[in-house]
Amino acid sequence: MAIIDCLGRCVAAARTVQNYTIAETLLANQCCVFRVERSGDMLDQEGTFDDNPGFSWTRTFELTDTEGLWVQTITVYWYERGRLSSDAVVEYRVPARQTAVKDMDYALKDRQRRGRSRCWK
């Protein structure tokens, strides 16, 4: 019986490592998407991964004390053994162009309207 219990724990540990490896890859891909393909997009967003069902992501921004500097947090979520797990990347962002500033102003006003000055999960 002890061998079966030990084997079950080994399988669970391997699954955890696999999920974190998948999450790290998905985080790297999302960071690239927002840095390269959508560098001017500075709005809070969320979504799922078509190629990786069971994983989802959010992106949030928070204004820093330095004018024009924002903290971007991209988080990947998944369920493991019935509990929500997550991994995140935090980056500092400066608007790539003036339209990004307008997007950030809109996002800040929207947060204030909803009574949220911070977007952390």
Protein backbone atom coordinates (compact mmCIF):
# COMPACT_ATOMS: atom_id res chain seq x y z
CA MET A 1 0.00 0.00 0.00
CA ALA A 2 2.87 2.39 0.80
CA ILE A 3 4.31 1.86 -2.67
CA ILE A 4 1.02 2.83 -4.33
CA ASP A 5 0.76 5.95 -2.13
CA CYS A 6 4.34 6.93 -2.98
CA LEU A 7 3.70 6.35 -6.68
CA GLY A 8 0.59 8.57 -6.50
CA ARG A 9 2.62 11.37 -4.94
CA CYS A 10 5.29 11.03 -7.63
CA VAL A 11 2.69 11.26 -10.39
CA ALA A 12 1.13 14.34 -8.74
CA ALA A 13 4.56 15.98 -8.45
CA ALA A 14 5.30 15.26 -12.11
CA ARG A 15 1.91 16.76 -13.09
CA THR A 16 2.69 19.90 -11.06
CA VAL A 17 6.04 20.29 -12.81
CA GLN A 18 4.36 19.80 -16.17
CA ASN A 19 1.69 22.44 -15.40
CA TYR A 20 4.30 24.99 -14.30
CA THR A 21 6.33 24.28 -17.44
CA ILE A 22 3.25 24.85 -19.59
CA ALA A 23 2.43 28.03 -17.63
CA GLU A 24 5.96 29.40 -18.11
CA THR A 25 5.74 28.81 -21.87
CA LEU A 26 2.31 30.46 -22.04
CA LEU A 27 3.56 33.44 -20.00
CA ALA A 28 6.54 33.89 -22.32
CA ASN A 29 4.23 33.78 -25.35
CA GLN A 30 1.78 36.31 -23.87
CA CYS A 31 4.63 38.65 -22.92
CA CYS A 32 5.89 38.50 -26.50
CA VAL A 33 2.42 39.15 -27.91
CA PHE A 34 1.94 42.26 -25.77
CA ARG A 35 5.51 43.51 -26.23
CA VAL A 36 5.82 42.97 -29.98
CA GLU A 37 2.45 42.52 -31.66
CA ARG A 38 0.34 44.78 -29.42
CA SER A 39 2.86 47.13 -27.81
CA GLY A 40 0.44 50.08 -27.79
CA ASP A 41 -2.35 48.09 -26.16
CA MET A 42 -2.37 49.09 -22.48
CA LEU A 43 -5.81 47.89 -21.31
CA ASP A 44 -6.60 45.21 -18.73
CA GLN A 45 -7.56 41.98 -20.49
CA GLU A 46 -8.26 38.31 -19.93
CA GLY A 47 -8.58 35.25 -22.09
CA THR A 48 -8.02 31.54 -22.59
CA PHE A 49 -5.55 29.50 -24.62
CA ASP A 50 -7.05 27.57 -27.53
CA ASP A 51 -4.12 25.14 -27.63
CA ASN A 52 -4.08 24.62 -23.86
CA PRO A 53 -7.57 24.07 -22.47
CA GLY A 54 -7.73 24.48 -18.72
CA PHE A 55 -5.33 27.43 -18.74
CA SER A 56 -6.43 31.08 -18.78
CA TRP A 57 -4.70 34.43 -18.45
CA THR A 58 -5.20 37.97 -17.24
CA ARG A 59 -3.24 41.15 -17.84
CA THR A 60 -3.54 44.09 -15.47
CA PHE A 61 -1.90 47.49 -15.13
CA GLU A 62 -1.14 49.66 -12.15
CA LEU A 63 0.18 53.20 -12.31
CA THR A 64 3.48 53.72 -10.47
CA ASP A 65 4.72 56.79 -8.62
CA THR A 66 6.77 57.70 -11.71
CA GLU A 67 4.74 59.56 -14.32
CA GLY A 68 4.23 57.52 -17.48
CA LEU A 69 5.52 54.28 -15.93
CA TRP A 70 3.08 51.41 -15.44
CA VAL A 71 3.40 47.95 -13.90
CA GLN A 72 2.04 45.22 -16.15
CA THR A 73 1.20 41.85 -14.57
CA ILE A 74 0.42 38.87 -16.77
CA THR A 75 -0.91 35.89 -14.83
CA VAL A 76 -1.67 32.37 -16.07
CA TYR A 77 -4.22 30.32 -14.11
CA TRP A 78 -5.06 26.62 -14.05
CA TYR A 79 -6.69 24.12 -11.70
CA GLU A 80 -4.59 21.46 -10.09
CA ARG A 81 -6.00 18.88 -7.67
CA GLY A 82 -9.16 20.97 -7.36
CA ARG A 83 -7.37 24.19 -6.41
CA LEU A 84 -6.62 27.27 -8.48
CA SER A 85 -2.91 27.67 -9.23
CA SER A 86 -1.18 30.56 -10.95
CA ASP A 87 2.13 31.92 -12.12
CA ALA A 88 2.83 35.52 -13.12
CA VAL A 89 5.29 37.86 -14.81
CA VAL A 90 5.58 41.48 -13.69
CA GLU A 91 7.07 44.05 -16.07
CA TYR A 92 7.37 47.83 -16.11
CA ARG A 93 5.93 49.47 -19.20
CA VAL A 94 6.21 52.90 -20.79
CA PRO A 95 3.65 53.76 -23.49
CA ALA A 96 5.03 53.07 -26.96
CA ARG A 97 3.15 55.98 -28.52
CA GLN A 98 0.59 58.65 -27.70
CA THR A 99 -2.42 56.41 -28.38
CA ALA A 100 -1.20 54.16 -25.60
CA VAL A 101 -1.39 57.11 -23.23
CA LYS A 102 -5.02 57.63 -24.23
CA ASP A 103 -5.69 53.92 -23.62
CA MET A 104 -4.07 54.16 -20.17
CA ASP A 105 -6.08 57.28 -19.32
CA TYR A 106 -9.24 55.41 -20.32
CA ALA A 107 -8.22 52.39 -18.22
CA LEU A 108 -7.49 54.57 -15.19
CA LYS A 109 -10.81 56.43 -15.52
CA ASP A 110 -12.62 53.11 -15.93
CA ARG A 111 -11.00 51.76 -12.74
CA GLN A 112 -11.93 54.92 -10.86
CA ARG A 113 -15.50 54.66 -12.14
CA ARG A 114 -15.71 51.10 -10.85
CA GLY A 115 -14.15 52.15 -7.55
CA ARG A 116 -10.91 50.29 -8.15
CA SER A 117 -7.60 52.07 -8.05
CA ARG A 118 -5.65 48.80 -8.21
CA CYS A 119 -6.18 45.74 -10.39
CA TRP A 120 -4.32 43.01 -8.54
CA LYS A 121 -6.02 39.65 -8.27
